[in-house]
C-alpha atoms as a PDB file:
ATOM      1  CA  UNK A   1      50.417  48.728 152.133  1.00  0.00           C
ATOM      2  CA  UNK A   2      47.691  48.930 149.183  1.00  0.00           C
ATOM      3  CA  UNK A   3      46.160  51.954 148.837  1.00  0.00           C
ATOM      4  CA  UNK A   4      42.422  52.436 148.309  1.00  0.00           C
ATOM      5  CA  UNK A   5      41.485  53.324 144.612  1.00  0.00           C
ATOM      6  CA  UNK A   6      39.965  56.578 143.968  1.00  0.00           C
ATOM      7  CA  UNK A   7      37.522  55.277 141.806  1.00  0.00           C
ATOM      8  CA  UNK A   8      35.175  53.565 141.393  1.00  0.00           C
ATOM      9  CA  UNK A   9      34.695  51.071 144.149  1.00  0.00           C
ATOM     10  CA  UNK A  10      36.713  48.162 144.526  1.00  0.00           C
ATOM     11  CA  UNK A  11      39.143  47.601 141.611  1.00  0.00           C
ATOM     12  CA  UNK A  12      38.887  43.928 141.038  1.00  0.00           C
ATOM     13  CA  UNK A  13      42.789  44.091 140.332  1.00  0.00           C
ATOM     14  CA  UNK A  14      43.386  45.674 143.798  1.00  0.00           C
ATOM     15  CA  UNK A  15      41.510  43.030 145.285  1.00  0.00           C
ATOM     16  CA  UNK A  16      43.296  40.293 143.806  1.00  0.00           C
ATOM     17  CA  UNK A  17      46.613  42.015 144.969  1.00  0.00           C
ATOM     18  CA  UNK A  18      45.816  42.983 148.398  1.00  0.00           C
ATOM     19  CA  UNK A  19      43.401  39.920 149.133  1.00  0.00           C
ATOM     20  CA  UNK A  20      41.747  42.305 151.844  1.00  0.00           C
ATOM     21  CA  UNK A  21      45.089  42.620 153.898  1.00  0.00           C
ATOM     22  CA  UNK A  22      43.052  45.208 155.881  1.00  0.00           C
ATOM     23  CA  UNK A  23      39.347  45.220 156.808  1.00  0.00           C
ATOM     24  CA  UNK A  24      38.717  48.954 155.777  1.00  0.00           C
ATOM     25  CA  UNK A  25      36.318  49.629 153.276  1.00  0.00           C
ATOM     26  CA  UNK A  26      37.300  51.247 149.846  1.00  0.00           C
ATOM     27  CA  UNK A  27      35.615  54.335 149.253  1.00  0.00           C
ATOM     28  CA  UNK A  28      33.759  54.962 145.769  1.00  0.00           C
ATOM     29  CA  UNK A  29      32.029  57.415 143.276  1.00  0.00           C
ATOM     30  CA  UNK A  30      28.982  59.047 142.100  1.00  0.00           C
ATOM     31  CA  UNK A  31      30.329  60.257 138.859  1.00  0.00           C
ATOM     32  CA  UNK A  32      27.985  62.645 137.096  1.00  0.00           C
ATOM     33  CA  UNK A  33      25.504  62.388 139.653  1.00  0.00           C
ATOM     34  CA  UNK A  34      24.153  65.175 141.814  1.00  0.00           C
ATOM     35  CA  UNK A  35      23.374  66.133 145.147  1.00  0.00           C
ATOM     36  CA  UNK A  36      20.584  64.003 146.440  1.00  0.00           C
ATOM     37  CA  UNK A  37      17.243  66.021 147.824  1.00  0.00           C
ATOM     38  CA  UNK A  38      17.942  65.862 151.733  1.00  0.00           C
ATOM     39  CA  UNK A  39      16.672  62.709 153.345  1.00  0.00           C
ATOM     40  CA  UNK A  40      14.842  61.533 149.833  1.00  0.00           C
ATOM     41  CA  UNK A  41      16.577  58.155 150.310  1.00  0.00           C
ATOM     42  CA  UNK A  42      15.367  57.801 154.216  1.00  0.00           C
ATOM     43  CA  UNK A  43      16.946  54.001 154.289  1.00  0.00           C
ATOM     44  CA  UNK A  44      20.591  55.076 153.550  1.00  0.00           C
ATOM     45  CA  UNK A  45      22.850  54.027 156.225  1.00  0.00           C
ATOM     46  CA  UNK A  46      26.533  55.617 156.722  1.00  0.00           C
ATOM     47  CA  UNK A  47      28.801  53.004 157.962  1.00  0.00           C
ATOM     48  CA  UNK A  48      31.762  54.640 159.437  1.00  0.00           C
ATOM     49  CA  UNK A  49      34.754  52.337 159.858  1.00  0.00           C
ATOM     50  CA  UNK A  50      37.699  54.196 161.168  1.00  0.00           C
ATOM     51  CA  UNK A  51      39.103  56.688 158.933  1.00  0.00           C
ATOM     52  CA  UNK A  52      37.188  54.932 155.844  1.00  0.00           C
ATOM     53  CA  UNK A  53      33.601  54.316 155.157  1.00  0.00           C
ATOM     54  CA  UNK A  54      31.035  52.561 153.473  1.00  0.00           C
ATOM     55  CA  UNK A  55      27.346  52.624 152.599  1.00  0.00           C
ATOM     56  CA  UNK A  56      24.582  50.256 153.816  1.00  0.00           C
ATOM     57  CA  UNK A  57      20.689  50.399 154.120  1.00  0.00           C
ATOM     58  CA  UNK A  58      17.929  49.792 156.854  1.00  0.00           C
ATOM     59  CA  UNK A  59      15.807  46.430 155.986  1.00  0.00           C
ATOM     60  CA  UNK A  60      14.308  46.201 159.650  1.00  0.00           C
ATOM     61  CA  UNK A  61      14.346  48.570 162.294  1.00  0.00           C
ATOM     62  CA  UNK A  62      17.359  46.893 164.045  1.00  0.00           C
ATOM     63  CA  UNK A  63      19.148  45.564 160.596  1.00  0.00           C
ATOM     64  CA  UNK A  64      21.340  47.110 158.051  1.00  0.00           C
ATOM     65  CA  UNK A  65      22.471  45.423 154.855  1.00  0.00           C
ATOM     66  CA  UNK A  66      25.727  46.138 153.235  1.00  0.00           C
ATOM     67  CA  UNK A  67      28.615  44.355 151.524  1.00  0.00           C
ATOM     68  CA  UNK A  68      30.647  41.878 153.175  1.00  0.00           C
ATOM     69  CA  UNK A  69      33.879  43.610 152.061  1.00  0.00           C
ATOM     70  CA  UNK A  70      32.849  46.431 154.426  1.00  0.00           C
ATOM     71  CA  UNK A  71      33.801  43.937 158.004  1.00  0.00           C
ATOM     72  CA  UNK A  72      35.124  46.375 160.169  1.00  0.00           C
ATOM     73  CA  UNK A  73      34.508  48.214 163.677  1.00  0.00           C
ATOM     74  CA  UNK A  74      31.345  49.638 162.251  1.00  0.00           C
ATOM     75  CA  UNK A  75      29.479  52.726 163.747  1.00  0.00           C
ATOM     76  CA  UNK A  76      25.860  53.091 161.683  1.00  0.00           C
ATOM     77  CA  UNK A  77      24.584  56.770 161.351  1.00  0.00           C
ATOM     78  CA  UNK A  78      20.929  56.815 160.189  1.00  0.00           C
ATOM     79  CA  UNK A  79      19.073  59.729 159.144  1.00  0.00           C
ATOM     80  CA  UNK A  80      22.096  61.741 157.532  1.00  0.00           C
ATOM     81  CA  UNK A  81      22.339  64.114 154.680  1.00  0.00           C
ATOM     82  CA  UNK A  82      25.882  65.954 155.424  1.00  0.00           C
ATOM     83  CA  UNK A  83      27.765  63.254 157.505  1.00  0.00           C
ATOM     84  CA  UNK A  84      30.216  65.961 159.095  1.00  0.00           C
ATOM     85  CA  UNK A  85      27.311  67.764 160.525  1.00  0.00           C
ATOM     86  CA  UNK A  86      25.750  66.819 163.935  1.00  0.00           C
ATOM     87  CA  UNK A  87      22.106  66.914 162.091  1.00  0.00           C
ATOM     88  CA  UNK A  88      18.986  66.526 164.482  1.00  0.00           C
ATOM     89  CA  UNK A  89      17.574  63.906 161.943  1.00  0.00           C
ATOM     90  CA  UNK A  90      20.323  61.526 162.583  1.00  0.00           C
ATOM     91  CA  UNK A  91      20.688  58.469 164.961  1.00  0.00           C
ATOM     92  CA  UNK A  92      23.779  56.560 165.642  1.00  0.00           C
ATOM     93  CA  UNK A  93      23.949  53.028 166.194  1.00  0.00           C
ATOM     94  CA  UNK A  94      26.485  50.399 167.104  1.00  0.00           C
ATOM     95  CA  UNK A  95      26.610  46.746 165.699  1.00  0.00           C
ATOM     96  CA  UNK A  96      25.790  44.101 168.110  1.00  0.00           C
ATOM     97  CA  UNK A  97      26.610  41.059 165.587  1.00  0.00           C
ATOM     98  CA  UNK A  98      27.953  40.671 162.273  1.00  0.00           C
ATOM     99  CA  UNK A  99      26.835  38.234 160.085  1.00  0.00           C
ATOM    100  CA  UNK A 100      29.148  38.128 156.935  1.00  0.00           C
ATOM    101  CA  UNK A 101      28.035  35.697 154.420  1.00  0.00           C
ATOM    102  CA  UNK A 102      29.754  32.462 155.200  1.00  0.00           C
ATOM    103  CA  UNK A 103      30.648  31.974 151.861  1.00  0.00           C
ATOM    104  CA  UNK A 104      31.934  35.151 151.077  1.00  0.00           C
ATOM    105  CA  UNK A 105      35.239  35.399 148.857  1.00  0.00           C
ATOM    106  CA  UNK A 106      37.520  38.241 149.025  1.00  0.00           C
ATOM    107  CA  UNK A 107      39.561  36.710 146.075  1.00  0.00           C
ATOM    108  CA  UNK A 108      36.414  36.482 143.890  1.00  0.00           C
ATOM    109  CA  UNK A 109      34.352  39.197 145.569  1.00  0.00           C
ATOM    110  CA  UNK A 110      31.281  36.596 145.501  1.00  0.00           C
ATOM    111  CA  UNK A 111      28.561  36.437 148.034  1.00  0.00           C
ATOM    112  CA  UNK A 112      29.543  40.151 148.931  1.00  0.00           C
ATOM    113  CA  UNK A 113      26.590  40.421 151.042  1.00  0.00           C
ATOM    114  CA  UNK A 114      26.279  41.250 155.280  1.00  0.00           C
ATOM    115  CA  UNK A 115      23.704  41.812 157.803  1.00  0.00           C
ATOM    116  CA  UNK A 116      24.357  44.081 160.657  1.00  0.00           C
ATOM    117  CA  UNK A 117      22.343  43.432 163.799  1.00  0.00           C
ATOM    118  CA  UNK A 118      22.036  47.283 165.557  1.00  0.00           C
ATOM    119  CA  UNK A 119      22.582  47.523 169.436  1.00  0.00           C
ATOM    120  CA  UNK A 120      19.352  49.409 169.458  1.00  0.00           C
ATOM    121  CA  UNK A 121      16.162  49.693 166.916  1.00  0.00           C
ATOM    122  CA  UNK A 122      16.393  52.571 164.915  1.00  0.00           C
ATOM    123  CA  UNK A 123      12.894  55.197 165.663  1.00  0.00           C
ATOM    124  CA  UNK A 124      11.526  54.909 162.281  1.00  0.00           C
ATOM    125  CA  UNK A 125      10.203  58.402 161.020  1.00  0.00           C
ATOM    126  CA  UNK A 126      10.419  60.828 157.874  1.00  0.00           C
ATOM    127  CA  UNK A 127      13.970  60.776 158.088  1.00  0.00           C
ATOM    128  CA  UNK A 128      14.778  56.920 159.080  1.00  0.00           C
ATOM    129  CA  UNK A 129      12.839  54.407 156.788  1.00  0.00           C
ATOM    130  CA  UNK A 130      13.291  50.724 156.168  1.00  0.00           C
ATOM    131  CA  UNK A 131      13.398  49.593 152.130  1.00  0.00           C
ATOM    132  CA  UNK A 132      11.682  46.460 151.046  1.00  0.00           C
ATOM    133  CA  UNK A 133      13.729  43.635 149.600  1.00  0.00           C
ATOM    134  CA  UNK A 134      12.704  41.474 146.475  1.00  0.00           C
ATOM    135  CA  UNK A 135      10.058  38.936 147.405  1.00  0.00           C
ATOM    136  CA  UNK A 136      11.584  35.970 144.508  1.00  0.00           C
ATOM    137  CA  UNK A 137      14.525  35.299 143.219  1.00  0.00           C
ATOM    138  CA  UNK A 138      13.677  36.381 139.532  1.00  0.00           C
ATOM    139  CA  UNK A 139      16.386  38.347 137.575  1.00  0.00           C
ATOM    140  CA  UNK A 140      15.644  41.942 136.792  1.00  0.00           C
ATOM    141  CA  UNK A 141      15.085  42.813 132.864  1.00  0.00           C
ATOM    142  CA  UNK A 142      17.572  44.432 130.976  1.00  0.00           C
ATOM    143  CA  UNK A 143      17.400  47.800 130.796  1.00  0.00           C
ATOM    144  CA  UNK A 144      15.408  48.367 134.181  1.00  0.00           C
ATOM    145  CA  UNK A 145      16.350  52.068 135.407  1.00  0.00           C
ATOM    146  CA  UNK A 146      17.724  52.052 138.728  1.00  0.00           C
ATOM    147  CA  UNK A 147      19.250  54.672 141.110  1.00  0.00           C
ATOM    148  CA  UNK A 148      22.386  54.319 143.457  1.00  0.00           C
ATOM    149  CA  UNK A 149      23.251  56.813 145.840  1.00  0.00           C
ATOM    150  CA  UNK A 150      26.542  57.299 148.340  1.00  0.00           C
ATOM    151  CA  UNK A 151      28.712  59.482 150.284  1.00  0.00           C
ATOM    152  CA  UNK A 152      31.688  58.830 148.223  1.00  0.00           C
ATOM    153  CA  UNK A 153      34.080  60.858 145.733  1.00  0.00           C
ATOM    154  CA  UNK A 154      32.315  62.630 142.961  1.00  0.00           C
ATOM    155  CA  UNK A 155      33.738  63.831 139.810  1.00  0.00           C
ATOM    156  CA  UNK A 156      37.628  64.794 139.886  1.00  0.00           C
ATOM    157  CA  UNK A 157      37.923  62.767 142.830  1.00  0.00           C
ATOM    158  CA  UNK A 158      36.301  65.669 144.888  1.00  0.00           C
ATOM    159  CA  UNK A 159      34.996  64.522 148.333  1.00  0.00           C
ATOM    160  CA  UNK A 160      31.738  65.334 149.383  1.00  0.00           C
ATOM    161  CA  UNK A 161      30.067  65.195 152.645  1.00  0.00           C
ATOM    162  CA  UNK A 162      26.778  65.092 151.338  1.00  0.00           C
ATOM    163  CA  UNK A 163      24.580  62.349 149.709  1.00  0.00           C
ATOM    164  CA  UNK A 164      24.690  62.054 146.051  1.00  0.00           C
ATOM    165  CA  UNK A 165      22.804  60.276 143.643  1.00  0.00           C
ATOM    166  CA  UNK A 166      22.571  58.962 140.015  1.00  0.00           C
ATOM    167  CA  UNK A 167      20.401  56.802 137.834  1.00  0.00           C
ATOM    168  CA  UNK A 168      22.330  53.350 136.030  1.00  0.00           C
ATOM    169  CA  UNK A 169      20.285  50.656 134.072  1.00  0.00           C
ATOM    170  CA  UNK A 170      20.740  46.888 134.356  1.00  0.00           C
ATOM    171  CA  UNK A 171      22.680  45.192 131.683  1.00  0.00           C
ATOM    172  CA  UNK A 172      22.081  41.597 130.323  1.00  0.00           C
ATOM    173  CA  UNK A 173      24.190  38.855 132.064  1.00  0.00           C
ATOM    174  CA  UNK A 174      25.509  37.998 128.413  1.00  0.00           C
ATOM    175  CA  UNK A 175      26.854  41.387 127.876  1.00  0.00           C
ATOM    176  CA  UNK A 176      28.267  41.796 131.420  1.00  0.00           C
ATOM    177  CA  UNK A 177      30.139  38.483 131.309  1.00  0.00           C
ATOM    178  CA  UNK A 178      32.481  40.113 128.594  1.00  0.00           C
ATOM    179  CA  UNK A 179      33.285  42.720 131.197  1.00  0.00           C
ATOM    180  CA  UNK A 180      33.582  40.170 134.201  1.00  0.00           C
ATOM    181  CA  UNK A 181      34.092  36.534 133.086  1.00  0.00           C
ATOM    182  CA  UNK A 182      33.663  35.255 136.466  1.00  0.00           C
ATOM    183  CA  UNK A 183      30.130  36.858 137.106  1.00  0.00           C
ATOM    184  CA  UNK A 184      28.016  34.307 139.164  1.00  0.00           C
ATOM    185  CA  UNK A 185      24.344  34.194 139.632  1.00  0.00           C
ATOM    186  CA  UNK A 186      24.696  35.954 143.176  1.00  0.00           C
ATOM    187  CA  UNK A 187      25.982  39.276 140.909  1.00  0.00           C
ATOM    188  CA  UNK A 188      24.631  41.637 138.660  1.00  0.00           C
ATOM    189  CA  UNK A 189      25.652  44.406 136.475  1.00  0.00           C
ATOM    190  CA  UNK A 190      24.291  48.067 135.877  1.00  0.00           C
ATOM    191  CA  UNK A 191      25.836  51.038 134.688  1.00  0.00           C
ATOM    192  CA  UNK A 192      25.041  53.834 131.977  1.00  0.00           C
ATOM    193  CA  UNK A 193      24.816  52.725 128.276  1.00  0.00           C
ATOM    194  CA  UNK A 194      25.707  56.266 127.088  1.00  0.00           C
ATOM    195  CA  UNK A 195      28.471  58.074 128.590  1.00  0.00           C
ATOM    196  CA  UNK A 196      31.704  56.404 129.965  1.00  0.00           C
ATOM    197  CA  UNK A 197      31.968  58.018 133.110  1.00  0.00           C
ATOM    198  CA  UNK A 198      28.612  59.245 134.418  1.00  0.00           C
ATOM    199  CA  UNK A 199      27.443  56.313 136.527  1.00  0.00           C
ATOM    200  CA  UNK A 200      30.178  55.034 138.864  1.00  0.00           C
ATOM    201  CA  UNK A 201      28.511  53.420 141.974  1.00  0.00           C
ATOM    202  CA  UNK A 202      28.114  55.249 145.395  1.00  0.00           C
ATOM    203  CA  UNK A 203      29.732  54.005 148.389  1.00  0.00           C
ATOM    204  CA  UNK A 204      30.336  50.076 148.591  1.00  0.00           C
ATOM    205  CA  UNK A 205      27.711  48.310 150.292  1.00  0.00           C
ATOM    206  CA  UNK A 206      24.799  50.844 149.155  1.00  0.00           C
ATOM    207  CA  UNK A 207      21.861  49.885 147.722  1.00  0.00           C
ATOM    208  CA  UNK A 208      20.945  49.510 143.853  1.00  0.00           C
ATOM    209  CA  UNK A 209      17.290  50.331 144.076  1.00  0.00           C
ATOM    210  CA  UNK A 210      14.967  49.465 141.082  1.00  0.00           C
ATOM    211  CA  UNK A 211      11.187  50.501 141.521  1.00  0.00           C
ATOM    212  CA  UNK A 212      11.703  51.603 145.418  1.00  0.00           C
ATOM    213  CA  UNK A 213      13.018  47.976 146.026  1.00  0.00           C
ATOM    214  CA  UNK A 214      16.608  47.032 147.226  1.00  0.00           C
ATOM    215  CA  UNK A 215      17.748  44.669 144.411  1.00  0.00           C
ATOM    216  CA  UNK A 216      21.602  45.008 144.827  1.00  0.00           C
ATOM    217  CA  UNK A 217      24.602  45.998 147.078  1.00  0.00           C
ATOM    218  CA  UNK A 218      27.382  48.070 145.670  1.00  0.00           C
ATOM    219  CA  UNK A 219      30.197  45.557 145.426  1.00  0.00           C
ATOM    220  CA  UNK A 220      32.989  46.121 142.902  1.00  0.00           C
ATOM    221  CA  UNK A 221      33.914  47.317 139.446  1.00  0.00           C
ATOM    222  CA  UNK A 222      36.414  48.568 137.003  1.00  0.00           C
ATOM    223  CA  UNK A 223      37.126  52.478 136.018  1.00  0.00           C
ATOM    224  CA  UNK A 224      34.213  52.324 134.068  1.00  0.00           C
ATOM    225  CA  UNK A 225      30.933  51.191 133.904  1.00  0.00           C
ATOM    226  CA  UNK A 226      28.914  48.594 134.005  1.00  0.00           C
ATOM    227  CA  UNK A 227      29.442  47.901 138.180  1.00  0.00           C
ATOM    228  CA  UNK A 228      28.807  44.703 139.605  1.00  0.00           C
ATOM    229  CA  UNK A 229      26.347  44.494 142.487  1.00  0.00           C
ATOM    230  CA  UNK A 230      25.506  41.617 144.942  1.00  0.00           C
ATOM    231  CA  UNK A 231      22.158  40.074 143.704  1.00  0.00           C
ATOM    232  CA  UNK A 232      20.005  40.402 146.644  1.00  0.00           C
ATOM    233  CA  UNK A 233      16.915  37.955 145.391  1.00  0.00           C
ATOM    234  CA  UNK A 234      19.553  35.317 145.307  1.00  0.00           C
ATOM    235  CA  UNK A 235      20.024  35.198 148.902  1.00  0.00           C
ATOM    236  CA  UNK A 236      16.729  35.407 150.065  1.00  0.00           C
ATOM    237  CA  UNK A 237      16.889  32.285 152.113  1.00  0.00           C
ATOM    238  CA  UNK A 238      19.692  33.331 154.018  1.00  0.00           C
ATOM    239  CA  UNK A 239      18.527  36.530 154.865  1.00  0.00           C
ATOM    240  CA  UNK A 240      15.428  35.345 156.137  1.00  0.00           C
ATOM    241  CA  UNK A 241      17.156  32.749 158.517  1.00  0.00           C
ATOM    242  CA  UNK A 242      19.512  35.670 159.746  1.00  0.00           C
ATOM    243  CA  UNK A 243      16.733  38.276 160.346  1.00  0.00           C
ATOM    244  CA  UNK A 244      14.531  35.520 162.228  1.00  0.00           C
END
């Protein structure tokens, strides 16, 4: 049985060898990040999938977006900071329907996007909010500063139950193709330009947030930056169709 890599995200080689033999998500890392101010990312969703977990984010009161590779029997926890504590702010929902992108390919990790229809609408408040999606299919300028957050492992493979965050910058497509020759228009790269290991991603399925808009979904990467994200703006027609 293939074991989840300790860092960061999905190692592409693991993907190719496992072919996702199981539906469990692969945990990932915030390296060089710091604990987030509690509830400063009210759109974040913690997706419990058996003994594994993914990140996700609320895009409508009854819809969560995540990565297609996070498919499994998911319980959604909204409004959490410490996922191991029964915080009064938390709202727990089941998943009524799973809309994995029909062209998702686990071999190339292309079209790694999924929408979850919740069993009941979330109650929106200071701790649980939606996050906007892009309005047009335009590329993010190289160097755009973005943020990521997750409940994955942090430095030295230390587990954390609290939400951690870090900042990354958008890589140019030309530069990213040097790392990932199969990069498609449905993918975008981001990482740190300065230090090798300060920016690996948060839990798979979490959002890449640039200027308060969810522009990407944590997808996969090697043991060093940049990481690859699903480029949400590439999927706007499909997203609108599902949300209707």
